[in-house]
Every structure is written in C-alpha cells, then in structure tokens.
PDB file of all heavy atoms in Angstrom:
ATOM      1  N   ILE A   1      93.018 101.578 106.533  1.00  0.00           N
ATOM      2  CA  ILE A   1      92.181 101.664 107.714  1.00  0.00           C
ATOM      3  C   ILE A   1      92.213 100.496 108.658  1.00  0.00           C
ATOM      4  O   ILE A   1      92.204  99.317 108.096  1.00  0.00           O
ATOM      5  CB  ILE A   1      90.756 101.969 107.322  1.00  0.00           C
ATOM      6  CG1 ILE A   1      89.850 102.497 108.442  1.00  0.00           C
ATOM      7  CG2 ILE A   1      90.124 100.900 106.499  1.00  0.00           C
ATOM      8  CD1 ILE A   1      88.616 103.116 108.152  1.00  0.00           C
ATOM      9  N   PRO A   2      92.232 100.613 109.987  1.00  0.00           N
ATOM     10  CA  PRO A   2      92.233  99.410 110.859  1.00  0.00           C
ATOM     11  C   PRO A   2      90.772  98.870 110.904  1.00  0.00           C
ATOM     12  O   PRO A   2      89.837  99.585 110.821  1.00  0.00           O
ATOM     13  CB  PRO A   2      92.532 100.062 112.185  1.00  0.00           C
ATOM     14  CG  PRO A   2      92.156 101.426 112.158  1.00  0.00           C
ATOM     15  CD  PRO A   2      92.320 101.870 110.737  1.00  0.00           C
ATOM     16  N   VAL A   3      90.721  97.482 111.043  1.00  0.00           N
ATOM     17  CA  VAL A   3      89.396  96.959 110.878  1.00  0.00           C
ATOM     18  C   VAL A   3      89.158  95.821 112.136  1.00  0.00           C
ATOM     19  O   VAL A   3      88.145  95.251 112.271  1.00  0.00           O
ATOM     20  CB  VAL A   3      89.120  96.207 109.614  1.00  0.00           C
ATOM     21  CG1 VAL A   3      89.208  97.231 108.524  1.00  0.00           C
ATOM     22  CG2 VAL A   3      90.174  95.039 109.386  1.00  0.00           C
ATOM     23  N   GLY A   4      90.279  95.665 112.871  1.00  0.00           N
ATOM     24  CA  GLY A   4      90.275  94.576 113.815  1.00  0.00           C
ATOM     25  C   GLY A   4      89.465  94.713 115.211  1.00  0.00           C
ATOM     26  O   GLY A   4      89.263  93.770 115.897  1.00  0.00           O
ATOM     27  N   GLY A   5      89.139  95.938 115.434  1.00  0.00           N
ATOM     28  CA  GLY A   5      88.417  96.236 116.686  1.00  0.00           C
ATOM     29  C   GLY A   5      89.328  96.122 118.031  1.00  0.00           C
ATOM     30  O   GLY A   5      90.472  96.022 117.856  1.00  0.00           O
ATOM     31  N   PHE A   6      88.676  96.269 119.118  1.00  0.00           N
ATOM     32  CA  PHE A   6      89.259  96.280 120.472  1.00  0.00           C
ATOM     33  C   PHE A   6      90.110  97.440 120.735  1.00  0.00           C
ATOM     34  O   PHE A   6      89.800  98.307 121.463  1.00  0.00           O
ATOM     35  CB  PHE A   6      90.183  95.019 120.719  1.00  0.00           C
ATOM     36  CG  PHE A   6      90.400  94.814 122.177  1.00  0.00           C
ATOM     37  CD1 PHE A   6      89.561  94.195 123.022  1.00  0.00           C
ATOM     38  CD2 PHE A   6      91.583  95.217 122.734  1.00  0.00           C
ATOM     39  CE1 PHE A   6      89.804  93.951 124.349  1.00  0.00           C
ATOM     40  CE2 PHE A   6      91.852  95.074 124.053  1.00  0.00           C
ATOM     41  CZ  PHE A   6      90.984  94.541 124.902  1.00  0.00           C
ATOM     42  N   TYR A   7      91.238  97.719 120.093  1.00  0.00           N
ATOM     43  CA  TYR A   7      92.023  98.855 120.132  1.00  0.00           C
ATOM     44  C   TYR A   7      91.640  99.996 119.166  1.00  0.00           C
ATOM     45  O   TYR A   7      91.937 101.126 119.337  1.00  0.00           O
ATOM     46  CB  TYR A   7      93.490  98.553 119.879  1.00  0.00           C
ATOM     47  CG  TYR A   7      94.111  97.542 120.790  1.00  0.00           C
ATOM     48  CD1 TYR A   7      94.513  96.288 120.390  1.00  0.00           C
ATOM     49  CD2 TYR A   7      94.327  97.811 122.155  1.00  0.00           C
ATOM     50  CE1 TYR A   7      95.136  95.388 121.266  1.00  0.00           C
ATOM     51  CE2 TYR A   7      94.829  96.973 122.974  1.00  0.00           C
ATOM     52  CZ  TYR A   7      95.241  95.743 122.553  1.00  0.00           C
ATOM     53  OH  TYR A   7      95.890  94.778 123.438  1.00  0.00           O
ATOM     54  N   THR A   8      90.941  99.586 118.132  1.00  0.00           N
ATOM     55  CA  THR A   8      90.501 100.426 117.122  1.00  0.00           C
ATOM     56  C   THR A   8      89.069 100.235 116.736  1.00  0.00           C
ATOM     57  O   THR A   8      88.331  99.491 117.270  1.00  0.00           O
ATOM     58  CB  THR A   8      91.380 100.245 115.912  1.00  0.00           C
ATOM     59  OG1 THR A   8      90.975  98.999 115.301  1.00  0.00           O
ATOM     60  CG2 THR A   8      92.887 100.275 116.161  1.00  0.00           C
ATOM     61  N   VAL A   9      88.583 100.910 115.670  1.00  0.00           N
ATOM     62  CA  VAL A   9      87.314 100.710 115.165  1.00  0.00           C
ATOM     63  C   VAL A   9      87.221  99.231 114.693  1.00  0.00           C
ATOM     64  O   VAL A   9      88.148  98.591 114.277  1.00  0.00           O
ATOM     65  CB  VAL A   9      86.954 101.628 114.030  1.00  0.00           C
ATOM     66  CG1 VAL A   9      86.678 102.991 114.461  1.00  0.00           C
ATOM     67  CG2 VAL A   9      87.979 101.509 112.908  1.00  0.00           C
ATOM     68  N   ASP A  10      86.020  98.677 114.887  1.00  0.00           N
ATOM     69  CA  ASP A  10      85.849  97.320 114.324  1.00  0.00           C
ATOM     70  C   ASP A  10      85.309  97.407 112.813  1.00  0.00           C
ATOM     71  O   ASP A  10      85.351  98.427 112.184  1.00  0.00           O
ATOM     72  CB  ASP A  10      84.899  96.491 115.205  1.00  0.00           C
ATOM     73  CG  ASP A  10      83.467  97.107 115.269  1.00  0.00           C
ATOM     74  OD1 ASP A  10      83.187  97.970 114.470  1.00  0.00           O
ATOM     75  OD2 ASP A  10      82.677  96.672 116.216  1.00  0.00           O
ATOM     76  N   ALA A  11      85.054  96.167 112.332  1.00  0.00           N
ATOM     77  CA  ALA A  11      84.586  96.081 110.968  1.00  0.00           C
ATOM     78  C   ALA A  11      83.371  97.026 110.655  1.00  0.00           C
ATOM     79  O   ALA A  11      83.449  97.675 109.546  1.00  0.00           O
ATOM     80  CB  ALA A  11      84.167  94.595 110.615  1.00  0.00           C
ATOM     81  N   LYS A  12      82.359  97.011 111.443  1.00  0.00           N
ATOM     82  CA  LYS A  12      81.233  97.884 111.149  1.00  0.00           C
ATOM     83  C   LYS A  12      81.577  99.258 111.220  1.00  0.00           C
ATOM     84  O   LYS A  12      81.054 100.089 110.417  1.00  0.00           O
ATOM     85  CB  LYS A  12      80.108  97.479 112.096  1.00  0.00           C
ATOM     86  CG  LYS A  12      79.503  96.134 111.952  1.00  0.00           C
ATOM     87  CD  LYS A  12      78.291  95.878 112.804  1.00  0.00           C
ATOM     88  CE  LYS A  12      77.705  94.453 112.576  1.00  0.00           C
ATOM     89  NZ  LYS A  12      76.604  94.177 113.524  1.00  0.00           N
ATOM     90  N   GLU A  13      82.283  99.727 112.224  1.00  0.00           N
ATOM     91  CA  GLU A  13      82.625 101.142 112.303  1.00  0.00           C
ATOM     92  C   GLU A  13      83.575 101.592 111.244  1.00  0.00           C
ATOM     93  O   GLU A  13      83.552 102.709 110.731  1.00  0.00           O
ATOM     94  CB  GLU A  13      83.216 101.417 113.712  1.00  0.00           C
ATOM     95  CG  GLU A  13      82.246 101.333 114.888  1.00  0.00           C
ATOM     96  CD  GLU A  13      81.123 102.383 114.668  1.00  0.00           C
ATOM     97  OE1 GLU A  13      81.432 103.512 114.271  1.00  0.00           O
ATOM     98  OE2 GLU A  13      80.052 102.162 115.069  1.00  0.00           O
ATOM     99  N   ALA A  14      84.501 100.677 110.850  1.00  0.00           N
ATOM    100  CA  ALA A  14      85.378 101.010 109.764  1.00  0.00           C
ATOM    101  C   ALA A  14      84.671 101.173 108.397  1.00  0.00           C
ATOM    102  O   ALA A  14      84.894 102.139 107.658  1.00  0.00           O
ATOM    103  CB  ALA A  14      86.403  99.911 109.445  1.00  0.00           C
ATOM    104  N   LYS A  15      83.598 100.284 108.259  1.00  0.00           N
ATOM    105  CA  LYS A  15      82.746 100.457 107.084  1.00  0.00           C
ATOM    106  C   LYS A  15      81.980 101.723 107.053  1.00  0.00           C
ATOM    107  O   LYS A  15      81.711 102.396 106.063  1.00  0.00           O
ATOM    108  CB  LYS A  15      81.803  99.264 107.020  1.00  0.00           C
ATOM    109  CG  LYS A  15      80.925  99.223 105.780  1.00  0.00           C
ATOM    110  CD  LYS A  15      81.707  99.078 104.387  1.00  0.00           C
ATOM    111  CE  LYS A  15      80.814  98.827 103.303  1.00  0.00           C
ATOM    112  NZ  LYS A  15      81.585  98.939 101.953  1.00  0.00           N
ATOM    113  N   ARG A  16      81.503 102.087 108.281  1.00  0.00           N
ATOM    114  CA  ARG A  16      80.725 103.364 108.461  1.00  0.00           C
ATOM    115  C   ARG A  16      81.612 104.529 107.995  1.00  0.00           C
ATOM    116  O   ARG A  16      81.176 105.556 107.343  1.00  0.00           O
ATOM    117  CB  ARG A  16      80.368 103.471 109.839  1.00  0.00           C
ATOM    118  CG  ARG A  16      79.383 104.759 110.124  1.00  0.00           C
ATOM    119  CD  ARG A  16      79.236 105.002 111.570  1.00  0.00           C
ATOM    120  NE  ARG A  16      78.590 103.889 112.133  1.00  0.00           N
ATOM    121  CZ  ARG A  16      77.252 103.714 112.340  1.00  0.00           C
ATOM    122  NH1 ARG A  16      76.404 104.613 111.836  1.00  0.00           N
ATOM    123  NH2 ARG A  16      76.786 102.632 112.949  1.00  0.00           N
ATOM    124  N   ILE A  17      82.904 104.582 108.417  1.00  0.00           N
ATOM    125  CA  ILE A  17      83.804 105.679 108.079  1.00  0.00           C
ATOM    126  C   ILE A  17      83.944 105.711 106.496  1.00  0.00           C
ATOM    127  O   ILE A  17      84.057 106.704 106.019  1.00  0.00           O
ATOM    128  CB  ILE A  17      85.117 105.437 108.746  1.00  0.00           C
ATOM    129  CG1 ILE A  17      85.041 105.717 110.302  1.00  0.00           C
ATOM    130  CG2 ILE A  17      86.158 106.407 108.147  1.00  0.00           C
ATOM    131  CD1 ILE A  17      86.291 105.441 111.086  1.00  0.00           C
ATOM    132  N   LEU A  18      84.147 104.595 105.986  1.00  0.00           N
ATOM    133  CA  LEU A  18      84.407 104.491 104.533  1.00  0.00           C
ATOM    134  C   LEU A  18      83.201 104.979 103.742  1.00  0.00           C
ATOM    135  O   LEU A  18      83.219 105.655 102.707  1.00  0.00           O
ATOM    136  CB  LEU A  18      84.802 103.185 104.065  1.00  0.00           C
ATOM    137  CG  LEU A  18      86.020 102.588 104.622  1.00  0.00           C
ATOM    138  CD1 LEU A  18      86.268 101.100 104.365  1.00  0.00           C
ATOM    139  CD2 LEU A  18      87.289 103.423 104.209  1.00  0.00           C
ATOM    140  N   GLU A  19      82.027 104.732 104.327  1.00  0.00           N
ATOM    141  CA  GLU A  19      80.750 105.274 103.674  1.00  0.00           C
ATOM    142  C   GLU A  19      80.650 106.806 103.759  1.00  0.00           C
ATOM    143  O   GLU A  19      80.010 107.441 102.889  1.00  0.00           O
ATOM    144  CB  GLU A  19      79.602 104.533 104.342  1.00  0.00           C
ATOM    145  CG  GLU A  19      79.419 103.130 103.933  1.00  0.00           C
ATOM    146  CD  GLU A  19      78.312 102.361 104.749  1.00  0.00           C
ATOM    147  OE1 GLU A  19      77.774 103.036 105.776  1.00  0.00           O
ATOM    148  OE2 GLU A  19      77.936 101.240 104.383  1.00  0.00           O
ATOM    149  N   GLN A  20      81.271 107.343 104.718  1.00  0.00           N
ATOM    150  CA  GLN A  20      81.272 108.802 105.005  1.00  0.00           C
ATOM    151  C   GLN A  20      82.151 109.445 103.852  1.00  0.00           C
ATOM    152  O   GLN A  20      81.856 110.596 103.423  1.00  0.00           O
ATOM    153  CB  GLN A  20      81.793 109.159 106.303  1.00  0.00           C
ATOM    154  CG  GLN A  20      80.812 108.989 107.499  1.00  0.00           C
ATOM    155  CD  GLN A  20      81.396 109.498 108.710  1.00  0.00           C
ATOM    156  OE1 GLN A  20      82.141 108.708 109.401  1.00  0.00           O
ATOM    157  NE2 GLN A  20      81.056 110.610 109.137  1.00  0.00           N
ATOM    158  N   ILE A  21      83.178 108.808 103.550  1.00  0.00           N
ATOM    159  CA  ILE A  21      84.323 109.494 102.610  1.00  0.00           C
ATOM    160  C   ILE A  21      84.249 108.939 101.254  1.00  0.00           C
ATOM    161  O   ILE A  21      84.913 109.474 100.368  1.00  0.00           O
ATOM    162  CB  ILE A  21      85.640 109.512 103.259  1.00  0.00           C
ATOM    163  CG1 ILE A  21      86.130 108.118 103.367  1.00  0.00           C
ATOM    164  CG2 ILE A  21      85.545 110.167 104.624  1.00  0.00           C
ATOM    165  CD1 ILE A  21      87.624 108.017 103.939  1.00  0.00           C
ATOM    166  N   ASN A  22      83.671 107.796 101.029  1.00  0.00           N
ATOM    167  CA  ASN A  22      83.626 107.091  99.706  1.00  0.00           C
ATOM    168  C   ASN A  22      84.972 107.099  98.932  1.00  0.00           C
ATOM    169  O   ASN A  22      85.143 107.674  97.880  1.00  0.00           O
ATOM    170  CB  ASN A  22      82.558 107.853  98.851  1.00  0.00           C
ATOM    171  CG  ASN A  22      82.219 107.062  97.616  1.00  0.00           C
ATOM    172  OD1 ASN A  22      82.384 105.796  97.601  1.00  0.00           O
ATOM    173  ND2 ASN A  22      81.839 107.862  96.537  1.00  0.00           N
ATOM    174  N   PRO A  23      85.957 106.355  99.436  1.00  0.00           N
ATOM    175  CA  PRO A  23      87.364 106.320  98.762  1.00  0.00           C
ATOM    176  C   PRO A  23      87.298 105.455  97.618  1.00  0.00           C
ATOM    177  O   PRO A  23      86.402 104.730  97.273  1.00  0.00           O
ATOM    178  CB  PRO A  23      88.286 105.913  99.943  1.00  0.00           C
ATOM    179  CG  PRO A  23      87.367 104.975 100.672  1.00  0.00           C
ATOM    180  CD  PRO A  23      85.871 105.529 100.615  1.00  0.00           C
ATOM    181  N   GLY A  24      88.503 105.446  96.939  1.00  0.00           N
ATOM    182  CA  GLY A  24      88.851 104.608  95.845  1.00  0.00           C
ATOM    183  C   GLY A  24      89.233 103.190  96.280  1.00  0.00           C
ATOM    184  O   GLY A  24      88.352 102.368  96.633  1.00  0.00           O
ATOM    185  N   ILE A  25      90.454 102.884  96.437  1.00  0.00           N
ATOM    186  CA  ILE A  25      90.986 101.572  96.904  1.00  0.00           C
ATOM    187  C   ILE A  25      91.076 101.685  98.483  1.00  0.00           C
ATOM    188  O   ILE A  25      91.515 102.584  99.068  1.00  0.00           O
ATOM    189  CB  ILE A  25      92.329 101.372  96.384  1.00  0.00           C
ATOM    190  CG1 ILE A  25      92.342 101.240  94.818  1.00  0.00           C
ATOM    191  CG2 ILE A  25      92.962 100.046  96.951  1.00  0.00           C
ATOM    192  CD1 ILE A  25      93.659 101.255  94.160  1.00  0.00           C
ATOM    193  N   VAL A  26      90.577 100.547  99.071  1.00  0.00           N
ATOM    194  CA  VAL A  26      90.601 100.398 100.487  1.00  0.00           C
ATOM    195  C   VAL A  26      91.574  99.221 100.855  1.00  0.00           C
ATOM    196  O   VAL A  26      91.417  98.223 100.346  1.00  0.00           O
ATOM    197  CB  VAL A  26      89.268 100.095 101.055  1.00  0.00           C
ATOM    198  CG1 VAL A  26      89.286  99.769 102.607  1.00  0.00           C
ATOM    199  CG2 VAL A  26      88.283 101.301 100.824  1.00  0.00           C
ATOM    200  N   ILE A  27      92.531  99.535 101.783  1.00  0.00           N
ATOM    201  CA  ILE A  27      93.397  98.429 102.187  1.00  0.00           C
ATOM    202  C   ILE A  27      93.175  98.340 103.683  1.00  0.00           C
ATOM    203  O   ILE A  27      93.600  99.207 104.494  1.00  0.00           O
ATOM    204  CB  ILE A  27      94.926  98.792 101.846  1.00  0.00           C
ATOM    205  CG1 ILE A  27      95.009  99.106 100.459  1.00  0.00           C
ATOM    206  CG2 ILE A  27      95.851  97.770 102.478  1.00  0.00           C
ATOM    207  CD1 ILE A  27      96.435  99.620 100.001  1.00  0.00           C
ATOM    208  N   PRO A  28      92.704  97.193 104.259  1.00  0.00           N
ATOM    209  CA  PRO A  28      92.587  96.885 105.605  1.00  0.00           C
ATOM    210  C   PRO A  28      93.801  96.695 106.300  1.00  0.00           C
ATOM    211  O   PRO A  28      94.704  96.053 105.688  1.00  0.00           O
ATOM    212  CB  PRO A  28      91.606  95.709 105.707  1.00  0.00           C
ATOM    213  CG  PRO A  28      91.788  94.982 104.413  1.00  0.00           C
ATOM    214  CD  PRO A  28      92.150  96.103 103.339  1.00  0.00           C
ATOM    215  N   MET A  29      93.975  97.041 107.540  1.00  0.00           N
ATOM    216  CA  MET A  29      95.182  96.777 108.355  1.00  0.00           C
ATOM    217  C   MET A  29      94.764  96.579 109.808  1.00  0.00           C
ATOM    218  O   MET A  29      93.566  96.573 110.128  1.00  0.00           O
ATOM    219  CB  MET A  29      96.044  98.016 108.259  1.00  0.00           C
ATOM    220  CG  MET A  29      95.537  99.240 108.818  1.00  0.00           C
ATOM    221  SD  MET A  29      96.725 100.671 108.583  1.00  0.00           S
ATOM    222  CE  MET A  29      95.856 102.065 109.409  1.00  0.00           C
ATOM    223  N   HIS A  30      95.763  96.274 110.641  1.00  0.00           N
ATOM    224  CA  HIS A  30      95.570  96.124 112.092  1.00  0.00           C
ATOM    225  C   HIS A  30      94.513  94.988 112.436  1.00  0.00           C
ATOM    226  O   HIS A  30      93.582  95.310 113.063  1.00  0.00           O
ATOM    227  CB  HIS A  30      95.144  97.502 112.668  1.00  0.00           C
ATOM    228  CG  HIS A  30      95.564  97.614 114.225  1.00  0.00           C
ATOM    229  ND1 HIS A  30      94.868  97.001 115.177  1.00  0.00           N
ATOM    230  CD2 HIS A  30      96.541  98.258 114.723  1.00  0.00           C
ATOM    231  CE1 HIS A  30      95.440  97.272 116.360  1.00  0.00           C
ATOM    232  NE2 HIS A  30      96.431  98.100 116.082  1.00  0.00           N
ATOM    233  N   PHE A  31      94.711  93.946 111.778  1.00  0.00           N
ATOM    234  CA  PHE A  31      93.865  92.700 112.043  1.00  0.00           C
ATOM    235  C   PHE A  31      94.629  91.560 112.326  1.00  0.00           C
ATOM    236  O   PHE A  31      95.950  91.551 112.221  1.00  0.00           O
ATOM    237  CB  PHE A  31      92.837  92.557 110.899  1.00  0.00           C
ATOM    238  CG  PHE A  31      93.515  92.309 109.526  1.00  0.00           C
ATOM    239  CD1 PHE A  31      93.911  90.945 109.160  1.00  0.00           C
ATOM    240  CD2 PHE A  31      93.688  93.347 108.637  1.00  0.00           C
ATOM    241  CE1 PHE A  31      94.486  90.749 108.013  1.00  0.00           C
ATOM    242  CE2 PHE A  31      94.310  93.078 107.411  1.00  0.00           C
ATOM    243  CZ  PHE A  31      94.716  91.772 107.122  1.00  0.00           C
ATOM    244  N   ARG A  32      94.062  90.467 112.688  1.00  0.00           N
ATOM    245  CA  ARG A  32      94.655  89.209 113.041  1.00  0.00           C
ATOM    246  C   ARG A  32      94.425  88.197 111.945  1.00  0.00           C
ATOM    247  O   ARG A  32      93.404  88.144 111.351  1.00  0.00           O
ATOM    248  CB  ARG A  32      94.131  88.654 114.367  1.00  0.00           C
ATOM    249  CG  ARG A  32      94.614  87.307 114.799  1.00  0.00           C
ATOM    250  CD  ARG A  32      93.964  86.992 116.193  1.00  0.00           C
ATOM    251  NE  ARG A  32      92.559  87.130 116.286  1.00  0.00           N
ATOM    252  CZ  ARG A  32      91.683  86.113 115.913  1.00  0.00           C
ATOM    253  NH1 ARG A  32      92.179  85.031 115.438  1.00  0.00           N
ATOM    254  NH2 ARG A  32      90.393  86.365 116.096  1.00  0.00           N
ATOM    255  N   LYS A  33      95.466  87.342 111.776  1.00  0.00           N
ATOM    256  CA  LYS A  33      95.323  86.247 110.896  1.00  0.00           C
ATOM    257  C   LYS A  33      95.601  84.958 111.667  1.00  0.00           C
ATOM    258  O   LYS A  33      96.652  84.920 112.368  1.00  0.00           O
ATOM    259  CB  LYS A  33      96.215  86.377 109.617  1.00  0.00           C
ATOM    260  CG  LYS A  33      96.042  85.246 108.677  1.00  0.00           C
ATOM    261  CD  LYS A  33      97.062  85.447 107.454  1.00  0.00           C
ATOM    262  CE  LYS A  33      96.860  84.203 106.386  1.00  0.00           C
ATOM    263  NZ  LYS A  33      97.292  82.946 106.950  1.00  0.00           N
ATOM    264  N   GLU A  34      94.895  83.838 111.416  1.00  0.00           N
ATOM    265  CA  GLU A  34      95.138  82.534 112.044  1.00  0.00           C
ATOM    266  C   GLU A  34      96.224  81.836 111.261  1.00  0.00           C
ATOM    267  O   GLU A  34      96.608  82.246 110.216  1.00  0.00           O
ATOM    268  CB  GLU A  34      93.820  81.745 111.929  1.00  0.00           C
ATOM    269  CG  GLU A  34      92.585  82.360 112.637  1.00  0.00           C
ATOM    270  CD  GLU A  34      92.637  82.321 114.107  1.00  0.00           C
ATOM    271  OE1 GLU A  34      93.689  81.793 114.656  1.00  0.00           O
ATOM    272  OE2 GLU A  34      91.719  82.756 114.779  1.00  0.00           O
ATOM    273  N   GLU A  35      96.761  80.917 112.003  1.00  0.00           N
ATOM    274  CA  GLU A  35      97.785  80.060 111.263  1.00  0.00           C
ATOM    275  C   GLU A  35      97.143  79.276 110.215  1.00  0.00           C
ATOM    276  O   GLU A  35      95.931  79.099 110.141  1.00  0.00           O
ATOM    277  CB  GLU A  35      98.251  79.009 112.358  1.00  0.00           C
ATOM    278  CG  GLU A  35      99.129  79.587 113.483  1.00  0.00           C
ATOM    279  CD  GLU A  35     100.370  80.248 113.130  1.00  0.00           C
ATOM    280  OE1 GLU A  35     100.793  79.884 111.944  1.00  0.00           O
ATOM    281  OE2 GLU A  35     100.928  80.950 113.919  1.00  0.00           O
TER     282      GLU A  35
END
C-alpha cells in the first residue's frame, strides 16, 4: 500500500484503509527516503 501522500493516500489514510480490511503482513510503498 502507498503511504507517501500527495499523489496517493497519506499515512493516516493508508492506516484507515488497513483498519477497514485488517490484513496480515503490510508492506509500505510509494514513499521517499532521505540520503
């Protein structure tokens, strides 16, 4: 699930989706990492 926001759901909205479906393993994607 994407978590970075702007183009997609952000952290809070991603968490809300996950609370709706209660999955097993969650792998975040579509985020930025600093140097």
